[in-house]
C-alpha cells in the first residue's frame, strides 16, 4: 500500500498498464515528472512486486537502460486491515498482494 500511496506511483502503473513496457525517460516525458521522481517511484514499485524492470540496450545509442512493465496484481483488504492502517498500527492477516506469479497470496506487513 505504501508504494501505491503516492500519486505519481499510481500514474506510472496506469500508464504502464495502458501503454505496455516503457523506459523511465519515456514515463518522465509522458507524465511531465522529473526523471529522478520517476526512478524513485519505479524502485518502490519494483520492491513491492508491482512492476518488473529489465535491462536492455537503447536501440540507437546502445547504452544500457531499464525497461519497466506493470505486473498483473490484485490487492485485497479486509475491514480490519483498513482499521489498523487508519490507526497507524501494523497490519496482520488482512492485507495481501497477489501478483499472479504464485498460487498463494503473500501477506504484506
PDB file of N, CA and C in Angstrom:
ATOM      1  N   UNK A   1       0.828  -1.190   0.000  1.00  0.00           N
ATOM      2  CA  UNK A   1       0.000   0.000   0.000  1.00  0.00           C
ATOM      3  C   UNK A   1       0.871   1.251   0.000  1.00  0.00           C
ATOM      4  N   UNK A   2       1.994   1.159   0.692  1.00  0.00           N
ATOM      5  CA  UNK A   2       2.867   2.336   0.760  1.00  0.00           C
ATOM      6  C   UNK A   2       3.362   2.726  -0.630  1.00  0.00           C
ATOM      7  N   UNK A   3       3.702   1.738  -1.449  1.00  0.00           N
ATOM      8  CA  UNK A   3       4.214   2.026  -2.791  1.00  0.00           C
ATOM      9  C   UNK A   3       3.150   2.684  -3.663  1.00  0.00           C
ATOM     10  N   UNK A   4       1.895   2.324  -3.461  1.00  0.00           N
ATOM     11  CA  UNK A   4       0.816   2.897  -4.270  1.00  0.00           C
ATOM     12  C   UNK A   4       0.185   4.129  -3.645  1.00  0.00           C
ATOM     13  N   UNK A   5       0.634   4.504  -2.459  1.00  0.00           N
ATOM     14  CA  UNK A   5       0.011   5.634  -1.772  1.00  0.00           C
ATOM     15  C   UNK A   5       0.413   6.985  -2.360  1.00  0.00           C
ATOM     16  N   UNK A   6       1.396   6.983  -3.221  1.00  0.00           N
ATOM     17  CA  UNK A   6       1.850   8.236  -3.824  1.00  0.00           C
ATOM     18  C   UNK A   6       1.204   8.399  -5.196  1.00  0.00           C
ATOM     19  N   UNK A   7       0.724   9.593  -5.466  1.00  0.00           N
ATOM     20  CA  UNK A   7       0.003   9.884  -6.703  1.00  0.00           C
ATOM     21  C   UNK A   7       0.798   9.479  -7.943  1.00  0.00           C
ATOM     22  N   UNK A   8       2.073   9.799  -7.968  1.00  0.00           N
ATOM     23  CA  UNK A   8       2.884   9.524  -9.144  1.00  0.00           C
ATOM     24  C   UNK A   8       3.064   8.021  -9.367  1.00  0.00           C
ATOM     25  N   UNK A   9       3.059   7.253  -8.294  1.00  0.00           N
ATOM     26  CA  UNK A   9       3.153   5.799  -8.442  1.00  0.00           C
ATOM     27  C   UNK A   9       1.922   5.265  -9.155  1.00  0.00           C
ATOM     28  N   UNK A  10       0.765   5.761  -8.775  1.00  0.00           N
ATOM     29  CA  UNK A  10      -0.465   5.338  -9.443  1.00  0.00           C
ATOM     30  C   UNK A  10      -0.459   5.743 -10.908  1.00  0.00           C
ATOM     31  N   UNK A  11       0.036   6.933 -11.195  1.00  0.00           N
ATOM     32  CA  UNK A  11       0.111   7.397 -12.587  1.00  0.00           C
ATOM     33  C   UNK A  11       1.040   6.502 -13.409  1.00  0.00           C
ATOM     34  N   UNK A  12       2.146   6.106 -12.818  1.00  0.00           N
ATOM     35  CA  UNK A  12       3.109   5.243 -13.509  1.00  0.00           C
ATOM     36  C   UNK A  12       2.481   3.890 -13.811  1.00  0.00           C
ATOM     37  N   UNK A  13       1.847   3.273 -12.822  1.00  0.00           N
ATOM     38  CA  UNK A  13       1.217   1.965 -13.025  1.00  0.00           C
ATOM     39  C   UNK A  13       0.124   2.062 -14.087  1.00  0.00           C
ATOM     40  N   UNK A  14      -0.691   3.108 -14.026  1.00  0.00           N
ATOM     41  CA  UNK A  14      -1.766   3.284 -15.007  1.00  0.00           C
ATOM     42  C   UNK A  14      -1.202   3.466 -16.413  1.00  0.00           C
ATOM     43  N   UNK A  15      -0.147   4.231 -16.552  1.00  0.00           N
ATOM     44  CA  UNK A  15       0.474   4.460 -17.857  1.00  0.00           C
ATOM     45  C   UNK A  15       1.070   3.176 -18.406  1.00  0.00           C
ATOM     46  N   UNK A  16       1.726   2.406 -17.543  1.00  0.00           N
ATOM     47  CA  UNK A  16       2.311   1.138 -17.986  1.00  0.00           C
ATOM     48  C   UNK A  16       1.227   0.135 -18.372  1.00  0.00           C
ATOM     49  N   UNK A  17       0.150   0.118 -17.618  1.00  0.00           N
ATOM     50  CA  UNK A  17      -0.941  -0.804 -17.917  1.00  0.00           C
ATOM     51  C   UNK A  17      -1.571  -0.480 -19.270  1.00  0.00           C
ATOM     52  N   UNK A  18      -1.714   0.797 -19.514  1.00  0.00           N
ATOM     53  CA  UNK A  18      -2.352   1.260 -20.750  1.00  0.00           C
ATOM     54  C   UNK A  18      -1.425   1.127 -21.963  1.00  0.00           C
ATOM     55  N   UNK A  19      -0.151   1.465 -21.773  1.00  0.00           N
ATOM     56  CA  UNK A  19       0.757   1.549 -22.910  1.00  0.00           C
ATOM     57  C   UNK A  19       1.820   0.480 -23.004  1.00  0.00           C
ATOM     58  N   UNK A  20       1.846  -0.468 -22.087  1.00  0.00           N
ATOM     59  CA  UNK A  20       2.852  -1.524 -22.140  1.00  0.00           C
ATOM     60  C   UNK A  20       4.194  -1.077 -21.591  1.00  0.00           C
ATOM     61  N   UNK A  21       5.235  -1.807 -21.962  1.00  0.00           N
ATOM     62  CA  UNK A  21       6.587  -1.525 -21.467  1.00  0.00           C
ATOM     63  C   UNK A  21       7.043  -0.133 -21.887  1.00  0.00           C
ATOM     64  N   UNK A  22       7.762   0.519 -20.965  1.00  0.00           N
ATOM     65  CA  UNK A  22       8.290   1.859 -21.245  1.00  0.00           C
ATOM     66  C   UNK A  22       9.630   2.022 -20.529  1.00  0.00           C
ATOM     67  N   UNK A  23      10.410   2.966 -21.023  1.00  0.00           N
ATOM     68  CA  UNK A  23      11.637   3.365 -20.356  1.00  0.00           C
ATOM     69  C   UNK A  23      11.290   4.446 -19.340  1.00  0.00           C
ATOM     70  N   UNK A  24      12.101   4.586 -18.314  1.00  0.00           N
ATOM     71  CA  UNK A  24      11.866   5.617 -17.304  1.00  0.00           C
ATOM     72  C   UNK A  24      11.836   7.004 -17.953  1.00  0.00           C
ATOM     73  N   UNK A  25      12.696   7.232 -18.926  1.00  0.00           N
ATOM     74  CA  UNK A  25      12.713   8.538 -19.600  1.00  0.00           C
ATOM     75  C   UNK A  25      11.406   8.787 -20.352  1.00  0.00           C
ATOM     76  N   UNK A  26      10.824   7.738 -20.944  1.00  0.00           N
ATOM     77  CA  UNK A  26       9.535   7.887 -21.617  1.00  0.00           C
ATOM     78  C   UNK A  26       8.440   8.243 -20.610  1.00  0.00           C
ATOM     79  N   UNK A  27       8.440   7.562 -19.470  1.00  0.00           N
ATOM     80  CA  UNK A  27       7.454   7.857 -18.432  1.00  0.00           C
ATOM     81  C   UNK A  27       7.600   9.291 -17.940  1.00  0.00           C
ATOM     82  N   UNK A  28       8.842   9.722 -17.765  1.00  0.00           N
ATOM     83  CA  UNK A  28       9.108  11.080 -17.307  1.00  0.00           C
ATOM     84  C   UNK A  28       8.513  12.110 -18.271  1.00  0.00           C
ATOM     85  N   UNK A  29       8.727  11.910 -19.549  1.00  0.00           N
ATOM     86  CA  UNK A  29       8.201  12.836 -20.564  1.00  0.00           C
ATOM     87  C   UNK A  29       6.679  12.784 -20.626  1.00  0.00           C
ATOM     88  N   UNK A  30       6.122  11.577 -20.680  1.00  0.00           N
ATOM     89  CA  UNK A  30       4.670  11.425 -20.818  1.00  0.00           C
ATOM     90  C   UNK A  30       3.909  12.003 -19.632  1.00  0.00           C
ATOM     91  N   UNK A  31       4.461  11.826 -18.437  1.00  0.00           N
ATOM     92  CA  UNK A  31       3.769  12.271 -17.227  1.00  0.00           C
ATOM     93  C   UNK A  31       4.166  13.677 -16.796  1.00  0.00           C
ATOM     94  N   UNK A  32       5.192  14.227 -17.426  1.00  0.00           N
ATOM     95  CA  UNK A  32       5.647  15.569 -17.055  1.00  0.00           C
ATOM     96  C   UNK A  32       6.262  15.608 -15.670  1.00  0.00           C
ATOM     97  N   UNK A  33       6.968  14.534 -15.315  1.00  0.00           N
ATOM     98  CA  UNK A  33       7.594  14.429 -13.993  1.00  0.00           C
ATOM     99  C   UNK A  33       9.105  14.435 -14.122  1.00  0.00           C
ATOM    100  N   UNK A  34       9.801  14.902 -13.091  1.00  0.00           N
ATOM    101  CA  UNK A  34      11.264  14.816 -13.118  1.00  0.00           C
ATOM    102  C   UNK A  34      11.704  13.351 -13.203  1.00  0.00           C
ATOM    103  N   UNK A  35      12.769  13.109 -13.930  1.00  0.00           N
ATOM    104  CA  UNK A  35      13.286  11.752 -14.123  1.00  0.00           C
ATOM    105  C   UNK A  35      13.600  11.090 -12.781  1.00  0.00           C
ATOM    106  N   UNK A  36      14.184  11.844 -11.854  1.00  0.00           N
ATOM    107  CA  UNK A  36      14.542  11.256 -10.557  1.00  0.00           C
ATOM    108  C   UNK A  36      13.305  10.801  -9.779  1.00  0.00           C
ATOM    109  N   UNK A  37      12.215  11.542  -9.890  1.00  0.00           N
ATOM    110  CA  UNK A  37      10.966  11.150  -9.229  1.00  0.00           C
ATOM    111  C   UNK A  37      10.460   9.839  -9.814  1.00  0.00           C
ATOM    112  N   UNK A  38      10.485   9.736 -11.133  1.00  0.00           N
ATOM    113  CA  UNK A  38      10.040   8.513 -11.797  1.00  0.00           C
ATOM    114  C   UNK A  38      10.913   7.339 -11.358  1.00  0.00           C
ATOM    115  N   UNK A  39      12.216   7.533 -11.317  1.00  0.00           N
ATOM    116  CA  UNK A  39      13.131   6.459 -10.893  1.00  0.00           C
ATOM    117  C   UNK A  39      12.835   6.014  -9.460  1.00  0.00           C
ATOM    118  N   UNK A  40      12.619   6.959  -8.566  1.00  0.00           N
ATOM    119  CA  UNK A  40      12.316   6.613  -7.175  1.00  0.00           C
ATOM    120  C   UNK A  40      11.027   5.810  -7.076  1.00  0.00           C
ATOM    121  N   UNK A  41       9.995   6.242  -7.779  1.00  0.00           N
ATOM    122  CA  UNK A  41       8.709   5.533  -7.733  1.00  0.00           C
ATOM    123  C   UNK A  41       8.832   4.145  -8.353  1.00  0.00           C
ATOM    124  N   UNK A  42       9.585   4.027  -9.446  1.00  0.00           N
ATOM    125  CA  UNK A  42       9.789   2.728 -10.080  1.00  0.00           C
ATOM    126  C   UNK A  42      10.497   1.776  -9.113  1.00  0.00           C
ATOM    127  N   UNK A  43      11.512   2.278  -8.424  1.00  0.00           N
ATOM    128  CA  UNK A  43      12.230   1.439  -7.451  1.00  0.00           C
ATOM    129  C   UNK A  43      11.308   0.953  -6.343  1.00  0.00           C
ATOM    130  N   UNK A  44      10.428   1.822  -5.855  1.00  0.00           N
ATOM    131  CA  UNK A  44       9.470   1.432  -4.815  1.00  0.00           C
ATOM    132  C   UNK A  44       8.475   0.401  -5.344  1.00  0.00           C
ATOM    133  N   UNK A  45       7.980   0.629  -6.550  1.00  0.00           N
ATOM    134  CA  UNK A  45       7.018  -0.295  -7.144  1.00  0.00           C
ATOM    135  C   UNK A  45       7.652  -1.655  -7.432  1.00  0.00           C
ATOM    136  N   UNK A  46       8.905  -1.640  -7.852  1.00  0.00           N
ATOM    137  CA  UNK A  46       9.609  -2.898  -8.117  1.00  0.00           C
ATOM    138  C   UNK A  46       9.844  -3.670  -6.817  1.00  0.00           C
ATOM    139  N   UNK A  47      10.241  -2.972  -5.767  1.00  0.00           N
ATOM    140  CA  UNK A  47      10.453  -3.627  -4.471  1.00  0.00           C
ATOM    141  C   UNK A  47       9.162  -4.234  -3.929  1.00  0.00           C
ATOM    142  N   UNK A  48       8.032  -3.618  -4.255  1.00  0.00           N
ATOM    143  CA  UNK A  48       6.731  -4.131  -3.807  1.00  0.00           C
ATOM    144  C   UNK A  48       6.212  -5.244  -4.713  1.00  0.00           C
ATOM    145  N   UNK A  49       6.903  -5.505  -5.823  1.00  0.00           N
ATOM    146  CA  UNK A  49       6.492  -6.566  -6.732  1.00  0.00           C
ATOM    147  C   UNK A  49       5.376  -6.173  -7.674  1.00  0.00           C
ATOM    148  N   UNK A  50       5.202  -4.876  -7.918  1.00  0.00           N
ATOM    149  CA  UNK A  50       4.105  -4.405  -8.763  1.00  0.00           C
ATOM    150  C   UNK A  50       4.531  -4.099 -10.199  1.00  0.00           C
ATOM    151  N   UNK A  51       5.828  -3.890 -10.396  1.00  0.00           N
ATOM    152  CA  UNK A  51       6.377  -3.711 -11.741  1.00  0.00           C
ATOM    153  C   UNK A  51       7.638  -4.555 -11.857  1.00  0.00           C
ATOM    154  N   UNK A  52       8.031  -4.809 -13.095  1.00  0.00           N
ATOM    155  CA  UNK A  52       9.269  -5.554 -13.345  1.00  0.00           C
ATOM    156  C   UNK A  52      10.165  -4.696 -14.216  1.00  0.00           C
ATOM    157  N   UNK A  53      11.435  -4.635 -13.870  1.00  0.00           N
ATOM    158  CA  UNK A  53      12.418  -3.894 -14.655  1.00  0.00           C
ATOM    159  C   UNK A  53      13.387  -4.887 -15.290  1.00  0.00           C
ATOM    160  N   UNK A  54      13.674  -4.677 -16.551  1.00  0.00           N
ATOM    161  CA  UNK A  54      14.658  -5.499 -17.246  1.00  0.00           C
ATOM    162  C   UNK A  54      15.688  -4.584 -17.892  1.00  0.00           C
ATOM    163  N   UNK A  55      16.922  -5.019 -17.881  1.00  0.00           N
ATOM    164  CA  UNK A  55      17.995  -4.244 -18.501  1.00  0.00           C
ATOM    165  C   UNK A  55      18.069  -4.584 -19.976  1.00  0.00           C
ATOM    166  N   UNK A  56      18.238  -3.558 -20.771  1.00  0.00           N
ATOM    167  CA  UNK A  56      18.350  -3.731 -22.219  1.00  0.00           C
ATOM    168  C   UNK A  56      19.238  -2.612 -22.759  1.00  0.00           C
ATOM    169  N   UNK A  57      19.529  -2.665 -24.028  1.00  0.00           N
ATOM    170  CA  UNK A  57      20.307  -1.603 -24.669  1.00  0.00           C
ATOM    171  C   UNK A  57      19.379  -0.712 -25.471  1.00  0.00           C
ATOM    172  N   UNK A  58      19.606   0.583 -25.357  1.00  0.00           N
ATOM    173  CA  UNK A  58      18.824   1.541 -26.145  1.00  0.00           C
ATOM    174  C   UNK A  58      19.079   1.250 -27.627  1.00  0.00           C
ATOM    175  N   UNK A  59      18.021   1.211 -28.442  1.00  0.00           N
ATOM    176  CA  UNK A  59      18.198   0.827 -29.848  1.00  0.00           C
ATOM    177  C   UNK A  59      19.113   1.752 -30.650  1.00  0.00           C
ATOM    178  N   UNK A  60      19.167   3.032 -30.301  1.00  0.00           N
ATOM    179  CA  UNK A  60      20.004   3.964 -31.064  1.00  0.00           C
ATOM    180  C   UNK A  60      21.363   4.195 -30.430  1.00  0.00           C
ATOM    181  N   UNK A  61      21.375   4.521 -29.163  1.00  0.00           N
ATOM    182  CA  UNK A  61      22.640   4.871 -28.509  1.00  0.00           C
ATOM    183  C   UNK A  61      23.419   3.652 -28.027  1.00  0.00           C
ATOM    184  N   UNK A  62      22.733   2.489 -27.933  1.00  0.00           N
ATOM    185  CA  UNK A  62      23.342   1.247 -27.449  1.00  0.00           C
ATOM    186  C   UNK A  62      23.803   1.356 -25.995  1.00  0.00           C
ATOM    187  N   UNK A  63      23.250   2.320 -25.265  1.00  0.00           N
ATOM    188  CA  UNK A  63      23.556   2.472 -23.845  1.00  0.00           C
ATOM    189  C   UNK A  63      22.602   1.584 -23.048  1.00  0.00           C
ATOM    190  N   UNK A  64      23.061   1.061 -21.893  1.00  0.00           N
ATOM    191  CA  UNK A  64      22.165   0.235 -21.084  1.00  0.00           C
ATOM    192  C   UNK A  64      21.050   1.079 -20.455  1.00  0.00           C
ATOM    193  N   UNK A  65      19.838   0.587 -20.548  1.00  0.00           N
ATOM    194  CA  UNK A  65      18.683   1.265 -19.949  1.00  0.00           C
ATOM    195  C   UNK A  65      17.780   0.213 -19.318  1.00  0.00           C
ATOM    196  N   UNK A  66      16.883   0.680 -18.458  1.00  0.00           N
ATOM    197  CA  UNK A  66      15.932  -0.223 -17.811  1.00  0.00           C
ATOM    198  C   UNK A  66      14.557  -0.036 -18.423  1.00  0.00           C
ATOM    199  N   UNK A  67      13.982  -1.142 -18.815  1.00  0.00           N
ATOM    200  CA  UNK A  67      12.631  -1.136 -19.353  1.00  0.00           C
ATOM    201  C   UNK A  67      11.696  -1.581 -18.224  1.00  0.00           C
ATOM    202  N   UNK A  68      10.576  -0.887 -18.080  1.00  0.00           N
ATOM    203  CA  UNK A  68       9.656  -1.133 -16.970  1.00  0.00           C
ATOM    204  C   UNK A  68       8.328  -1.626 -17.514  1.00  0.00           C
ATOM    205  N   UNK A  69       7.773  -2.649 -16.863  1.00  0.00           N
ATOM    206  CA  UNK A  69       6.441  -3.117 -17.234  1.00  0.00           C
ATOM    207  C   UNK A  69       5.631  -3.389 -15.977  1.00  0.00           C
ATOM    208  N   UNK A  70       4.343  -3.142 -16.075  1.00  0.00           N
ATOM    209  CA  UNK A  70       3.444  -3.402 -14.950  1.00  0.00           C
ATOM    210  C   UNK A  70       3.155  -4.890 -14.886  1.00  0.00           C
ATOM    211  N   UNK A  71       3.126  -5.421 -13.672  1.00  0.00           N
ATOM    212  CA  UNK A  71       2.721  -6.801 -13.461  1.00  0.00           C
ATOM    213  C   UNK A  71       1.245  -6.833 -13.119  1.00  0.00           C
ATOM    214  N   UNK A  72       0.615  -7.936 -13.415  1.00  0.00           N
ATOM    215  CA  UNK A  72      -0.780  -8.095 -13.068  1.00  0.00           C
ATOM    216  C   UNK A  72      -0.852  -8.400 -11.570  1.00  0.00           C
ATOM    217  N   UNK A  73      -1.610  -7.608 -10.822  1.00  0.00           N
ATOM    218  CA  UNK A  73      -1.698  -7.827  -9.383  1.00  0.00           C
ATOM    219  C   UNK A  73      -3.080  -7.475  -8.880  1.00  0.00           C
ATOM    220  N   UNK A  74      -3.385  -7.995  -7.707  1.00  0.00           N
ATOM    221  CA  UNK A  74      -4.614  -7.663  -7.000  1.00  0.00           C
ATOM    222  C   UNK A  74      -4.237  -7.305  -5.575  1.00  0.00           C
ATOM    223  N   UNK A  75      -4.960  -6.357  -4.997  1.00  0.00           N
ATOM    224  CA  UNK A  75      -4.758  -6.008  -3.597  1.00  0.00           C
ATOM    225  C   UNK A  75      -6.052  -6.311  -2.870  1.00  0.00           C
ATOM    226  N   UNK A  76      -5.952  -7.116  -1.841  1.00  0.00           N
ATOM    227  CA  UNK A  76      -7.118  -7.498  -1.059  1.00  0.00           C
ATOM    228  C   UNK A  76      -7.012  -6.874   0.324  1.00  0.00           C
ATOM    229  N   UNK A  77      -8.042  -6.151   0.717  1.00  0.00           N
ATOM    230  CA  UNK A  77      -8.086  -5.515   2.030  1.00  0.00           C
ATOM    231  C   UNK A  77      -9.289  -6.025   2.799  1.00  0.00           C
ATOM    232  N   UNK A  78      -9.117  -6.188   4.079  1.00  0.00           N
ATOM    233  CA  UNK A  78     -10.258  -6.517   4.928  1.00  0.00           C
ATOM    234  C   UNK A  78     -10.611  -5.277   5.744  1.00  0.00           C
ATOM    235  N   UNK A  79     -11.819  -5.203   6.268  1.00  0.00           N
ATOM    236  CA  UNK A  79     -12.172  -4.064   7.129  1.00  0.00           C
ATOM    237  C   UNK A  79     -11.216  -3.922   8.322  1.00  0.00           C
ATOM    238  N   UNK A  80     -10.780  -5.043   8.852  1.00  0.00           N
ATOM    239  CA  UNK A  80      -9.848  -4.994   9.983  1.00  0.00           C
ATOM    240  C   UNK A  80      -8.520  -4.367   9.585  1.00  0.00           C
ATOM    241  N   UNK A  81      -8.004  -4.732   8.403  1.00  0.00           N
ATOM    242  CA  UNK A  81      -6.722  -4.163   7.985  1.00  0.00           C
ATOM    243  C   UNK A  81      -6.843  -2.670   7.712  1.00  0.00           C
ATOM    244  N   UNK A  82      -7.981  -2.237   7.178  1.00  0.00           N
ATOM    245  CA  UNK A  82      -8.192  -0.804   6.959  1.00  0.00           C
ATOM    246  C   UNK A  82      -8.192  -0.073   8.293  1.00  0.00           C
ATOM    247  N   UNK A  83      -8.867  -0.636   9.272  1.00  0.00           N
ATOM    248  CA  UNK A  83      -8.896  -0.026  10.597  1.00  0.00           C
ATOM    249  C   UNK A  83      -7.486   0.064  11.177  1.00  0.00           C
ATOM    250  N   UNK A  84      -6.704  -0.998  11.021  1.00  0.00           N
ATOM    251  CA  UNK A  84      -5.334  -0.993  11.533  1.00  0.00           C
ATOM    252  C   UNK A  84      -4.478   0.045  10.812  1.00  0.00           C
ATOM    253  N   UNK A  85      -4.666   0.191   9.504  1.00  0.00           N
ATOM    254  CA  UNK A  85      -3.922   1.202   8.758  1.00  0.00           C
ATOM    255  C   UNK A  85      -4.285   2.608   9.207  1.00  0.00           C
ATOM    256  N   UNK A  86      -5.567   2.859   9.397  1.00  0.00           N
ATOM    257  CA  UNK A  86      -6.036   4.176   9.819  1.00  0.00           C
ATOM    258  C   UNK A  86      -5.502   4.523  11.204  1.00  0.00           C
ATOM    259  N   UNK A  87      -5.449   3.532  12.078  1.00  0.00           N
ATOM    260  CA  UNK A  87      -4.975   3.755  13.442  1.00  0.00           C
ATOM    261  C   UNK A  87      -3.456   3.785  13.542  1.00  0.00           C
ATOM    262  N   UNK A  88      -2.772   3.557  12.424  1.00  0.00           N
ATOM    263  CA  UNK A  88      -1.314   3.641  12.409  1.00  0.00           C
ATOM    264  C   UNK A  88      -0.619   2.386  12.886  1.00  0.00           C
ATOM    265  N   UNK A  89      -1.353   1.324  13.086  1.00  0.00           N
ATOM    266  CA  UNK A  89      -0.748   0.077  13.535  1.00  0.00           C
ATOM    267  C   UNK A  89      -0.259  -0.756  12.372  1.00  0.00           C
ATOM    268  N   UNK A  90       0.371  -1.855  12.706  1.00  0.00           N
ATOM    269  CA  UNK A  90       0.805  -2.770  11.661  1.00  0.00           C
ATOM    270  C   UNK A  90      -0.366  -3.662  11.276  1.00  0.00           C
ATOM    271  N   UNK A  91      -0.365  -4.077  10.043  1.00  0.00           N
ATOM    272  CA  UNK A  91      -1.460  -4.886   9.516  1.00  0.00           C
ATOM    273  C   UNK A  91      -1.037  -6.343   9.532  1.00  0.00           C
ATOM    274  N   UNK A  92      -1.862  -7.184  10.155  1.00  0.00           N
ATOM    275  CA  UNK A  92      -1.561  -8.613  10.213  1.00  0.00           C
ATOM    276  C   UNK A  92      -2.752  -9.405   9.717  1.00  0.00           C
ATOM    277  N   UNK A  93      -2.535 -10.199   8.700  1.00  0.00           N
ATOM    278  CA  UNK A  93      -3.538 -11.138   8.256  1.00  0.00           C
ATOM    279  C   UNK A  93      -4.619 -10.609   7.331  1.00  0.00           C
ATOM    280  N   UNK A  94      -4.773  -9.307   7.154  1.00  0.00           N
ATOM    281  CA  UNK A  94      -5.874  -8.829   6.346  1.00  0.00           C
ATOM    282  C   UNK A  94      -5.474  -8.108   5.085  1.00  0.00           C
ATOM    283  N   UNK A  95      -4.201  -7.889   4.881  1.00  0.00           N
ATOM    284  CA  UNK A  95      -3.735  -7.149   3.714  1.00  0.00           C
ATOM    285  C   UNK A  95      -2.792  -8.044   2.928  1.00  0.00           C
ATOM    286  N   UNK A  96      -3.170  -8.364   1.698  1.00  0.00           N
ATOM    287  CA  UNK A  96      -2.346  -9.247   0.894  1.00  0.00           C
ATOM    288  C   UNK A  96      -2.252  -8.712  -0.523  1.00  0.00           C
ATOM    289  N   UNK A  97      -1.111  -8.936  -1.127  1.00  0.00           N
ATOM    290  CA  UNK A  97      -0.914  -8.577  -2.533  1.00  0.00           C
ATOM    291  C   UNK A  97      -0.677  -9.867  -3.299  1.00  0.00           C
ATOM    292  N   UNK A  98      -1.438 -10.065  -4.364  1.00  0.00           N
ATOM    293  CA  UNK A  98      -1.282 -11.240  -5.201  1.00  0.00           C
ATOM    294  C   UNK A  98      -0.838 -10.784  -6.573  1.00  0.00           C
ATOM    295  N   UNK A  99       0.304 -11.277  -7.028  1.00  0.00           N
ATOM    296  CA  UNK A  99       0.845 -10.854  -8.310  1.00  0.00           C
ATOM    297  C   UNK A  99       0.610 -11.865  -9.407  1.00  0.00           C
ATOM    298  N   UNK A 100       0.030 -12.993  -9.076  1.00  0.00           N
ATOM    299  CA  UNK A 100      -0.228 -13.996 -10.089  1.00  0.00           C
ATOM    300  C   UNK A 100       0.964 -14.882 -10.372  1.00  0.00           C
ATOM    301  N   UNK A 101       2.114 -14.581  -9.784  1.00  0.00           N
ATOM    302  CA  UNK A 101       3.298 -15.399 -10.007  1.00  0.00           C
ATOM    303  C   UNK A 101       3.256 -16.671  -9.179  1.00  0.00           C
ATOM    304  N   UNK A 102       2.605 -16.626  -8.039  1.00  0.00           N
ATOM    305  CA  UNK A 102       2.490 -17.785  -7.160  1.00  0.00           C
ATOM    306  C   UNK A 102       1.016 -18.064  -6.944  1.00  0.00           C
ATOM    307  N   UNK A 103       0.718 -19.271  -6.620  1.00  0.00           N
ATOM    308  CA  UNK A 103      -0.669 -19.615  -6.405  1.00  0.00           C
ATOM    309  C   UNK A 103      -1.197 -19.031  -5.096  1.00  0.00           C
ATOM    310  N   UNK A 104      -0.369 -19.000  -4.080  1.00  0.00           N
ATOM    311  CA  UNK A 104      -0.851 -18.449  -2.814  1.00  0.00           C
ATOM    312  C   UNK A 104      -0.534 -16.961  -2.740  1.00  0.00           C
ATOM    313  N   UNK A 105      -1.260 -16.272  -1.908  1.00  0.00           N
ATOM    314  CA  UNK A 105      -1.082 -14.835  -1.766  1.00  0.00           C
ATOM    315  C   UNK A 105      -0.053 -14.545  -0.685  1.00  0.00           C
ATOM    316  N   UNK A 106       0.787 -13.579  -0.934  1.00  0.00           N
ATOM    317  CA  UNK A 106       1.809 -13.200   0.031  1.00  0.00           C
ATOM    318  C   UNK A 106       1.261 -12.159   0.978  1.00  0.00           C
ATOM    319  N   UNK A 107       1.364 -12.436   2.258  1.00  0.00           N
ATOM    320  CA  UNK A 107       0.918 -11.472   3.246  1.00  0.00           C
ATOM    321  C   UNK A 107       1.944 -10.351   3.347  1.00  0.00           C
ATOM    322  N   UNK A 108       1.480  -9.145   3.413  1.00  0.00           N
ATOM    323  CA  UNK A 108       2.370  -7.990   3.477  1.00  0.00           C
ATOM    324  C   UNK A 108       2.234  -7.319   4.834  1.00  0.00           C
ATOM    325  N   UNK A 109       3.337  -7.148   5.543  1.00  0.00           N
ATOM    326  CA  UNK A 109       3.236  -6.499   6.863  1.00  0.00           C
ATOM    327  C   UNK A 109       2.915  -5.032   6.748  1.00  0.00           C
TER     328      UNK A 109
END
